[in-house]
PDB file of N, CA and C in Angstrom:
ATOM      1  N   UNK A   1      15.643 -44.879 -11.798  1.00  0.00           N
ATOM      2  CA  UNK A   1      17.086 -44.831 -12.295  1.00  0.00           C
ATOM      3  C   UNK A   1      17.964 -44.445 -11.090  1.00  0.00           C
ATOM      4  N   UNK A   2      19.275 -45.161 -10.953  1.00  0.00           N
ATOM      5  CA  UNK A   2      20.086 -45.050  -9.939  1.00  0.00           C
ATOM      6  C   UNK A   2      21.221 -44.146 -10.219  1.00  0.00           C
ATOM      7  N   UNK A   3      22.017 -43.512  -9.365  1.00  0.00           N
ATOM      8  CA  UNK A   3      23.079 -42.823  -9.757  1.00  0.00           C
ATOM      9  C   UNK A   3      24.386 -43.304  -9.282  1.00  0.00           C
ATOM     10  N   UNK A   4      25.516 -42.810  -9.752  1.00  0.00           N
ATOM     11  CA  UNK A   4      26.767 -43.076  -9.299  1.00  0.00           C
ATOM     12  C   UNK A   4      27.350 -41.971  -8.952  1.00  0.00           C
ATOM     13  N   UNK A   5      28.392 -41.674  -7.960  1.00  0.00           N
ATOM     14  CA  UNK A   5      28.833 -40.597  -7.584  1.00  0.00           C
ATOM     15  C   UNK A   5      30.397 -40.338  -8.179  1.00  0.00           C
ATOM     16  N   UNK A   6      30.956 -41.548  -8.498  1.00  0.00           N
ATOM     17  CA  UNK A   6      32.418 -41.504  -8.877  1.00  0.00           C
ATOM     18  C   UNK A   6      32.407 -42.453 -10.240  1.00  0.00           C
ATOM     19  N   UNK A   7      33.383 -42.127 -11.082  1.00  0.00           N
ATOM     20  CA  UNK A   7      33.588 -42.683 -12.223  1.00  0.00           C
ATOM     21  C   UNK A   7      33.955 -44.305 -11.721  1.00  0.00           C
ATOM     22  N   UNK A   8      34.567 -44.459 -10.726  1.00  0.00           N
ATOM     23  CA  UNK A   8      35.060 -45.720 -10.431  1.00  0.00           C
ATOM     24  C   UNK A   8      34.056 -46.564 -10.243  1.00  0.00           C
ATOM     25  N   UNK A   9      32.785 -46.269 -10.120  1.00  0.00           N
ATOM     26  CA  UNK A   9      31.516 -47.118  -9.940  1.00  0.00           C
ATOM     27  C   UNK A   9      31.143 -47.885 -11.340  1.00  0.00           C
ATOM     28  N   UNK A  10      31.788 -47.147 -12.412  1.00  0.00           N
ATOM     29  CA  UNK A  10      31.381 -47.707 -13.706  1.00  0.00           C
ATOM     30  C   UNK A  10      32.095 -48.847 -13.929  1.00  0.00           C
ATOM     31  N   UNK A  11      31.563 -50.011 -14.173  1.00  0.00           N
ATOM     32  CA  UNK A  11      32.300 -51.364 -14.315  1.00  0.00           C
ATOM     33  C   UNK A  11      32.966 -51.474 -15.694  1.00  0.00           C
ATOM     34  N   UNK A  12      34.035 -52.494 -15.757  1.00  0.00           N
ATOM     35  CA  UNK A  12      34.530 -52.714 -17.182  1.00  0.00           C
ATOM     36  C   UNK A  12      33.367 -53.762 -17.611  1.00  0.00           C
ATOM     37  N   UNK A  13      32.922 -53.560 -18.900  1.00  0.00           N
ATOM     38  CA  UNK A  13      31.925 -54.165 -19.397  1.00  0.00           C
ATOM     39  C   UNK A  13      32.389 -55.508 -20.297  1.00  0.00           C
ATOM     40  N   UNK A  14      31.776 -56.409 -20.179  1.00  0.00           N
ATOM     41  CA  UNK A  14      31.941 -57.614 -20.890  1.00  0.00           C
ATOM     42  C   UNK A  14      31.629 -57.671 -22.417  1.00  0.00           C
ATOM     43  N   UNK A  15      30.538 -56.901 -22.602  1.00  0.00           N
ATOM     44  CA  UNK A  15      29.938 -56.739 -23.984  1.00  0.00           C
ATOM     45  C   UNK A  15      29.243 -55.513 -24.188  1.00  0.00           C
ATOM     46  N   UNK A  16      28.739 -55.294 -25.357  1.00  0.00           N
ATOM     47  CA  UNK A  16      28.081 -53.951 -25.415  1.00  0.00           C
ATOM     48  C   UNK A  16      26.661 -53.964 -24.914  1.00  0.00           C
ATOM     49  N   UNK A  17      26.098 -55.343 -24.707  1.00  0.00           N
ATOM     50  CA  UNK A  17      24.747 -55.331 -24.252  1.00  0.00           C
ATOM     51  C   UNK A  17      25.109 -55.002 -22.913  1.00  0.00           C
ATOM     52  N   UNK A  18      25.957 -55.573 -22.142  1.00  0.00           N
ATOM     53  CA  UNK A  18      26.233 -55.221 -20.711  1.00  0.00           C
ATOM     54  C   UNK A  18      26.154 -53.724 -20.357  1.00  0.00           C
ATOM     55  N   UNK A  19      26.893 -53.459 -21.193  1.00  0.00           N
ATOM     56  CA  UNK A  19      26.969 -52.045 -21.226  1.00  0.00           C
ATOM     57  C   UNK A  19      25.926 -51.010 -21.446  1.00  0.00           C
ATOM     58  N   UNK A  20      24.995 -51.442 -22.239  1.00  0.00           N
ATOM     59  CA  UNK A  20      23.760 -51.033 -22.620  1.00  0.00           C
ATOM     60  C   UNK A  20      22.771 -51.175 -21.529  1.00  0.00           C
ATOM     61  N   UNK A  21      22.710 -52.206 -20.711  1.00  0.00           N
ATOM     62  CA  UNK A  21      21.743 -52.299 -19.653  1.00  0.00           C
ATOM     63  C   UNK A  21      22.343 -51.237 -18.804  1.00  0.00           C
ATOM     64  N   UNK A  22      23.675 -51.290 -18.560  1.00  0.00           N
ATOM     65  CA  UNK A  22      24.194 -50.520 -17.262  1.00  0.00           C
ATOM     66  C   UNK A  22      23.654 -49.189 -17.523  1.00  0.00           C
ATOM     67  N   UNK A  23      23.489 -48.561 -18.681  1.00  0.00           N
ATOM     68  CA  UNK A  23      23.362 -47.115 -18.900  1.00  0.00           C
ATOM     69  C   UNK A  23      21.891 -46.831 -19.060  1.00  0.00           C
ATOM     70  N   UNK A  24      21.291 -48.044 -19.347  1.00  0.00           N
ATOM     71  CA  UNK A  24      19.657 -47.767 -18.953  1.00  0.00           C
ATOM     72  C   UNK A  24      19.302 -47.483 -17.683  1.00  0.00           C
ATOM     73  N   UNK A  25      20.112 -48.381 -16.606  1.00  0.00           N
ATOM     74  CA  UNK A  25      19.631 -48.097 -15.273  1.00  0.00           C
ATOM     75  C   UNK A  25      20.347 -47.293 -14.230  1.00  0.00           C
ATOM     76  N   UNK A  26      21.461 -46.836 -14.842  1.00  0.00           N
ATOM     77  CA  UNK A  26      22.661 -45.911 -14.197  1.00  0.00           C
ATOM     78  C   UNK A  26      22.605 -44.497 -14.756  1.00  0.00           C
ATOM     79  N   UNK A  27      22.778 -43.715 -14.283  1.00  0.00           N
ATOM     80  CA  UNK A  27      23.247 -42.151 -14.734  1.00  0.00           C
ATOM     81  C   UNK A  27      24.304 -41.321 -13.735  1.00  0.00           C
ATOM     82  N   UNK A  28      25.134 -40.762 -14.190  1.00  0.00           N
ATOM     83  CA  UNK A  28      26.072 -40.084 -13.185  1.00  0.00           C
ATOM     84  C   UNK A  28      25.355 -39.103 -12.230  1.00  0.00           C
ATOM     85  N   UNK A  29      25.774 -38.854 -11.256  1.00  0.00           N
ATOM     86  CA  UNK A  29      25.207 -37.774 -10.053  1.00  0.00           C
ATOM     87  C   UNK A  29      25.448 -36.277 -10.922  1.00  0.00           C
ATOM     88  N   UNK A  30      24.648 -35.665 -10.282  1.00  0.00           N
ATOM     89  CA  UNK A  30      24.855 -34.084 -11.076  1.00  0.00           C
ATOM     90  C   UNK A  30      26.179 -33.417 -10.746  1.00  0.00           C
ATOM     91  N   UNK A  31      26.388 -33.746  -9.253  1.00  0.00           N
ATOM     92  CA  UNK A  31      27.681 -33.088  -8.930  1.00  0.00           C
ATOM     93  C   UNK A  31      28.719 -33.628  -9.697  1.00  0.00           C
ATOM     94  N   UNK A  32      28.950 -35.103 -10.140  1.00  0.00           N
ATOM     95  CA  UNK A  32      29.998 -35.427 -10.945  1.00  0.00           C
ATOM     96  C   UNK A  32      29.991 -34.806 -12.326  1.00  0.00           C
ATOM     97  N   UNK A  33      28.947 -34.727 -12.863  1.00  0.00           N
ATOM     98  CA  UNK A  33      28.877 -33.966 -14.052  1.00  0.00           C
ATOM     99  C   UNK A  33      29.044 -32.419 -14.018  1.00  0.00           C
ATOM    100  N   UNK A  34      28.907 -31.863 -13.359  1.00  0.00           N
ATOM    101  CA  UNK A  34      28.908 -30.221 -12.860  1.00  0.00           C
ATOM    102  C   UNK A  34      30.404 -30.359 -12.720  1.00  0.00           C
ATOM    103  N   UNK A  35      31.243 -31.575 -12.082  1.00  0.00           N
ATOM    104  CA  UNK A  35      32.758 -31.132 -11.781  1.00  0.00           C
ATOM    105  C   UNK A  35      33.453 -31.560 -13.079  1.00  0.00           C
ATOM    106  N   UNK A  36      32.817 -32.261 -13.822  1.00  0.00           N
ATOM    107  CA  UNK A  36      33.359 -32.330 -15.343  1.00  0.00           C
ATOM    108  C   UNK A  36      33.321 -31.260 -16.282  1.00  0.00           C
ATOM    109  N   UNK A  37      32.260 -30.433 -16.011  1.00  0.00           N
ATOM    110  CA  UNK A  37      32.179 -29.322 -16.993  1.00  0.00           C
ATOM    111  C   UNK A  37      33.248 -28.286 -16.321  1.00  0.00           C
ATOM    112  N   UNK A  38      33.079 -28.178 -15.113  1.00  0.00           N
ATOM    113  CA  UNK A  38      33.665 -27.020 -14.329  1.00  0.00           C
ATOM    114  C   UNK A  38      35.376 -27.348 -14.448  1.00  0.00           C
ATOM    115  N   UNK A  39      35.816 -28.827 -14.621  1.00  0.00           N
ATOM    116  CA  UNK A  39      37.023 -29.023 -14.806  1.00  0.00           C
ATOM    117  C   UNK A  39      37.716 -28.411 -16.209  1.00  0.00           C
ATOM    118  N   UNK A  40      36.822 -28.202 -17.255  1.00  0.00           N
ATOM    119  CA  UNK A  40      37.155 -27.477 -18.433  1.00  0.00           C
ATOM    120  C   UNK A  40      37.308 -25.978 -18.554  1.00  0.00           C
ATOM    121  N   UNK A  41      36.379 -25.632 -17.684  1.00  0.00           N
ATOM    122  CA  UNK A  41      36.497 -24.078 -17.484  1.00  0.00           C
ATOM    123  C   UNK A  41      38.059 -23.789 -16.812  1.00  0.00           C
ATOM    124  N   UNK A  42      38.158 -24.688 -15.873  1.00  0.00           N
ATOM    125  CA  UNK A  42      39.653 -24.206 -15.085  1.00  0.00           C
ATOM    126  C   UNK A  42      40.907 -24.544 -15.730  1.00  0.00           C
ATOM    127  N   UNK A  43      40.861 -25.026 -16.926  1.00  0.00           N
ATOM    128  CA  UNK A  43      41.992 -25.382 -17.606  1.00  0.00           C
ATOM    129  C   UNK A  43      42.898 -24.318 -17.807  1.00  0.00           C
ATOM    130  N   UNK A  44      42.075 -23.311 -18.230  1.00  0.00           N
ATOM    131  CA  UNK A  44      42.972 -22.156 -18.604  1.00  0.00           C
ATOM    132  C   UNK A  44      43.734 -21.806 -17.730  1.00  0.00           C
ATOM    133  N   UNK A  45      43.084 -21.558 -16.294  1.00  0.00           N
ATOM    134  CA  UNK A  45      43.741 -21.249 -14.906  1.00  0.00           C
ATOM    135  C   UNK A  45      44.711 -22.306 -14.373  1.00  0.00           C
ATOM    136  N   UNK A  46      44.833 -23.473 -15.061  1.00  0.00           N
ATOM    137  CA  UNK A  46      45.860 -24.458 -14.383  1.00  0.00           C
ATOM    138  C   UNK A  46      47.300 -24.207 -14.227  1.00  0.00           C
ATOM    139  N   UNK A  47      47.943 -25.007 -13.311  1.00  0.00           N
ATOM    140  CA  UNK A  47      49.396 -24.805 -13.026  1.00  0.00           C
ATOM    141  C   UNK A  47      49.921 -26.327 -13.493  1.00  0.00           C
ATOM    142  N   UNK A  48      51.166 -26.223 -14.192  1.00  0.00           N
ATOM    143  CA  UNK A  48      51.785 -27.378 -14.373  1.00  0.00           C
ATOM    144  C   UNK A  48      52.587 -27.714 -13.439  1.00  0.00           C
ATOM    145  N   UNK A  49      52.713 -29.000 -12.929  1.00  0.00           N
ATOM    146  CA  UNK A  49      53.472 -29.559 -11.798  1.00  0.00           C
ATOM    147  C   UNK A  49      54.029 -30.745 -12.378  1.00  0.00           C
ATOM    148  N   UNK A  50      55.057 -31.453 -11.535  1.00  0.00           N
ATOM    149  CA  UNK A  50      56.053 -32.565 -12.174  1.00  0.00           C
ATOM    150  C   UNK A  50      56.011 -33.555 -11.161  1.00  0.00           C
ATOM    151  N   UNK A  51      55.426 -34.521 -11.301  1.00  0.00           N
ATOM    152  CA  UNK A  51      55.392 -35.710 -10.441  1.00  0.00           C
ATOM    153  C   UNK A  51      56.262 -37.257 -11.104  1.00  0.00           C
ATOM    154  N   UNK A  52      56.723 -37.811 -10.238  1.00  0.00           N
ATOM    155  CA  UNK A  52      57.616 -38.819 -10.825  1.00  0.00           C
ATOM    156  C   UNK A  52      56.950 -40.004 -10.184  1.00  0.00           C
ATOM    157  N   UNK A  53      56.514 -41.258 -11.295  1.00  0.00           N
ATOM    158  CA  UNK A  53      55.899 -42.398 -11.024  1.00  0.00           C
ATOM    159  C   UNK A  53      56.967 -43.515 -11.289  1.00  0.00           C
ATOM    160  N   UNK A  54      56.653 -44.740 -10.549  1.00  0.00           N
ATOM    161  CA  UNK A  54      57.446 -45.817 -10.871  1.00  0.00           C
ATOM    162  C   UNK A  54      56.721 -46.139 -12.600  1.00  0.00           C
ATOM    163  N   UNK A  55      57.853 -46.254 -13.627  1.00  0.00           N
ATOM    164  CA  UNK A  55      57.429 -46.739 -14.723  1.00  0.00           C
ATOM    165  C   UNK A  55      56.088 -48.035 -14.873  1.00  0.00           C
ATOM    166  N   UNK A  56      56.141 -48.905 -13.848  1.00  0.00           N
ATOM    167  CA  UNK A  56      55.204 -49.752 -14.230  1.00  0.00           C
ATOM    168  C   UNK A  56      53.814 -49.322 -13.574  1.00  0.00           C
ATOM    169  N   UNK A  57      53.788 -48.413 -12.157  1.00  0.00           N
ATOM    170  CA  UNK A  57      52.403 -47.863 -12.130  1.00  0.00           C
ATOM    171  C   UNK A  57      52.040 -46.712 -13.090  1.00  0.00           C
ATOM    172  N   UNK A  58      53.011 -45.840 -13.731  1.00  0.00           N
ATOM    173  CA  UNK A  58      52.425 -45.064 -14.664  1.00  0.00           C
ATOM    174  C   UNK A  58      51.695 -45.986 -16.068  1.00  0.00           C
ATOM    175  N   UNK A  59      52.522 -47.362 -16.133  1.00  0.00           N
ATOM    176  CA  UNK A  59      51.696 -48.055 -17.372  1.00  0.00           C
ATOM    177  C   UNK A  59      50.496 -48.532 -17.127  1.00  0.00           C
ATOM    178  N   UNK A  60      50.201 -48.873 -15.687  1.00  0.00           N
ATOM    179  CA  UNK A  60      48.898 -49.384 -15.317  1.00  0.00           C
ATOM    180  C   UNK A  60      47.821 -48.512 -14.969  1.00  0.00           C
ATOM    181  N   UNK A  61      48.170 -46.844 -14.867  1.00  0.00           N
ATOM    182  CA  UNK A  61      47.458 -46.116 -14.857  1.00  0.00           C
ATOM    183  C   UNK A  61      46.985 -45.484 -16.132  1.00  0.00           C
ATOM    184  N   UNK A  62      47.691 -45.645 -17.132  1.00  0.00           N
ATOM    185  CA  UNK A  62      47.510 -45.393 -18.741  1.00  0.00           C
ATOM    186  C   UNK A  62      46.557 -46.430 -19.277  1.00  0.00           C
ATOM    187  N   UNK A  63      46.863 -47.673 -18.523  1.00  0.00           N
ATOM    188  CA  UNK A  63      46.092 -48.854 -19.305  1.00  0.00           C
ATOM    189  C   UNK A  63      44.555 -48.827 -18.552  1.00  0.00           C
ATOM    190  N   UNK A  64      44.304 -48.297 -17.256  1.00  0.00           N
ATOM    191  CA  UNK A  64      43.016 -48.132 -16.713  1.00  0.00           C
ATOM    192  C   UNK A  64      42.165 -46.971 -17.385  1.00  0.00           C
ATOM    193  N   UNK A  65      43.196 -45.918 -17.818  1.00  0.00           N
ATOM    194  CA  UNK A  65      42.512 -44.739 -18.504  1.00  0.00           C
ATOM    195  C   UNK A  65      41.898 -45.014 -19.834  1.00  0.00           C
ATOM    196  N   UNK A  66      42.843 -45.961 -20.508  1.00  0.00           N
ATOM    197  CA  UNK A  66      42.314 -46.227 -21.978  1.00  0.00           C
ATOM    198  C   UNK A  66      41.137 -47.260 -21.933  1.00  0.00           C
ATOM    199  N   UNK A  67      41.037 -48.140 -20.874  1.00  0.00           N
ATOM    200  CA  UNK A  67      40.006 -48.522 -20.524  1.00  0.00           C
ATOM    201  C   UNK A  67      38.679 -48.100 -20.505  1.00  0.00           C
ATOM    202  N   UNK A  68      38.835 -46.708 -19.738  1.00  0.00           N
ATOM    203  CA  UNK A  68      37.834 -46.004 -19.524  1.00  0.00           C
ATOM    204  C   UNK A  68      37.627 -44.918 -20.508  1.00  0.00           C
ATOM    205  N   UNK A  69      38.493 -44.878 -21.446  1.00  0.00           N
ATOM    206  CA  UNK A  69      38.346 -43.874 -22.549  1.00  0.00           C
ATOM    207  C   UNK A  69      38.602 -42.446 -21.949  1.00  0.00           C
ATOM    208  N   UNK A  70      39.473 -42.373 -21.223  1.00  0.00           N
ATOM    209  CA  UNK A  70      39.986 -41.215 -20.766  1.00  0.00           C
ATOM    210  C   UNK A  70      41.237 -40.825 -20.844  1.00  0.00           C
ATOM    211  N   UNK A  71      41.996 -39.591 -20.873  1.00  0.00           N
ATOM    212  CA  UNK A  71      43.285 -39.232 -20.729  1.00  0.00           C
ATOM    213  C   UNK A  71      43.730 -39.588 -19.666  1.00  0.00           C
ATOM    214  N   UNK A  72      45.165 -40.175 -19.186  1.00  0.00           N
ATOM    215  CA  UNK A  72      45.582 -40.520 -18.088  1.00  0.00           C
ATOM    216  C   UNK A  72      45.616 -39.670 -17.203  1.00  0.00           C
ATOM    217  N   UNK A  73      46.005 -38.099 -17.843  1.00  0.00           N
ATOM    218  CA  UNK A  73      46.288 -36.914 -16.781  1.00  0.00           C
ATOM    219  C   UNK A  73      44.756 -36.734 -16.224  1.00  0.00           C
ATOM    220  N   UNK A  74      43.710 -36.720 -17.085  1.00  0.00           N
ATOM    221  CA  UNK A  74      42.695 -36.191 -16.657  1.00  0.00           C
ATOM    222  C   UNK A  74      42.036 -37.030 -15.433  1.00  0.00           C
ATOM    223  N   UNK A  75      41.973 -38.388 -15.669  1.00  0.00           N
ATOM    224  CA  UNK A  75      41.728 -39.365 -14.775  1.00  0.00           C
ATOM    225  C   UNK A  75      42.464 -39.185 -13.494  1.00  0.00           C
ATOM    226  N   UNK A  76      43.773 -38.560 -13.617  1.00  0.00           N
ATOM    227  CA  UNK A  76      44.817 -38.642 -12.093  1.00  0.00           C
ATOM    228  C   UNK A  76      43.949 -37.324 -11.333  1.00  0.00           C
ATOM    229  N   UNK A  77      43.645 -36.422 -12.416  1.00  0.00           N
ATOM    230  CA  UNK A  77      43.092 -35.001 -11.787  1.00  0.00           C
ATOM    231  C   UNK A  77      41.887 -35.536 -11.109  1.00  0.00           C
ATOM    232  N   UNK A  78      40.759 -36.223 -11.955  1.00  0.00           N
ATOM    233  CA  UNK A  78      39.539 -36.717 -11.044  1.00  0.00           C
ATOM    234  C   UNK A  78      39.939 -37.299  -9.962  1.00  0.00           C
ATOM    235  N   UNK A  79      40.814 -38.466 -10.045  1.00  0.00           N
ATOM    236  CA  UNK A  79      41.290 -39.293  -8.752  1.00  0.00           C
ATOM    237  C   UNK A  79      41.330 -38.175  -7.647  1.00  0.00           C
ATOM    238  N   UNK A  80      42.544 -37.283  -7.751  1.00  0.00           N
ATOM    239  CA  UNK A  80      42.823 -36.227  -6.781  1.00  0.00           C
ATOM    240  C   UNK A  80      41.517 -35.328  -6.517  1.00  0.00           C
ATOM    241  N   UNK A  81      40.525 -34.807  -7.468  1.00  0.00           N
ATOM    242  CA  UNK A  81      39.605 -34.309  -6.832  1.00  0.00           C
ATOM    243  C   UNK A  81      38.524 -35.092  -6.082  1.00  0.00           C
ATOM    244  N   UNK A  82      38.400 -36.220  -6.377  1.00  0.00           N
ATOM    245  CA  UNK A  82      37.391 -36.758  -5.553  1.00  0.00           C
ATOM    246  C   UNK A  82      37.985 -37.598  -4.266  1.00  0.00           C
ATOM    247  N   UNK A  83      39.261 -37.504  -4.337  1.00  0.00           N
ATOM    248  CA  UNK A  83      39.867 -37.802  -2.681  1.00  0.00           C
ATOM    249  C   UNK A  83      40.103 -36.467  -1.805  1.00  0.00           C
ATOM    250  N   UNK A  84      40.185 -35.297  -2.670  1.00  0.00           N
ATOM    251  CA  UNK A  84      40.122 -34.197  -1.892  1.00  0.00           C
ATOM    252  C   UNK A  84      38.562 -34.096  -1.305  1.00  0.00           C
ATOM    253  N   UNK A  85      37.603 -34.223  -1.863  1.00  0.00           N
ATOM    254  CA  UNK A  85      36.492 -34.135  -1.284  1.00  0.00           C
ATOM    255  C   UNK A  85      36.041 -35.285  -0.059  1.00  0.00           C
ATOM    256  N   UNK A  86      36.556 -35.951  -0.554  1.00  0.00           N
ATOM    257  CA  UNK A  86      36.627 -37.090   0.604  1.00  0.00           C
ATOM    258  C   UNK A  86      37.068 -36.690   2.036  1.00  0.00           C
ATOM    259  N   UNK A  87      38.249 -36.237   1.967  1.00  0.00           N
ATOM    260  CA  UNK A  87      39.027 -35.660   3.039  1.00  0.00           C
ATOM    261  C   UNK A  87      38.443 -34.754   3.629  1.00  0.00           C
ATOM    262  N   UNK A  88      37.711 -33.655   2.977  1.00  0.00           N
ATOM    263  CA  UNK A  88      37.344 -32.470   3.353  1.00  0.00           C
ATOM    264  C   UNK A  88      35.624 -32.863   4.297  1.00  0.00           C
ATOM    265  N   UNK A  89      35.358 -33.952   4.003  1.00  0.00           N
ATOM    266  CA  UNK A  89      34.027 -34.418   4.402  1.00  0.00           C
ATOM    267  C   UNK A  89      34.140 -34.713   6.093  1.00  0.00           C
TER     268      UNK A  89
END
């Protein structure tokens, strides 16, 4: 069984059968799962910030999040977290 390190590696599926095959052969890396669980614990310690987005960009982000069954704000936080880890390497 293979593992993936980021949620971006999960493709958009053409059918439920294709999705089933993917999940039979793939699983998220432990680090990825641990960061998802840790993210929930940190929610009570979070700080609110304001970002301004171009409306078209925000619409695209929301559409991507819906396709992945995620909240768009959570997806943005996930992206930032993954990028920070890349930058720190």
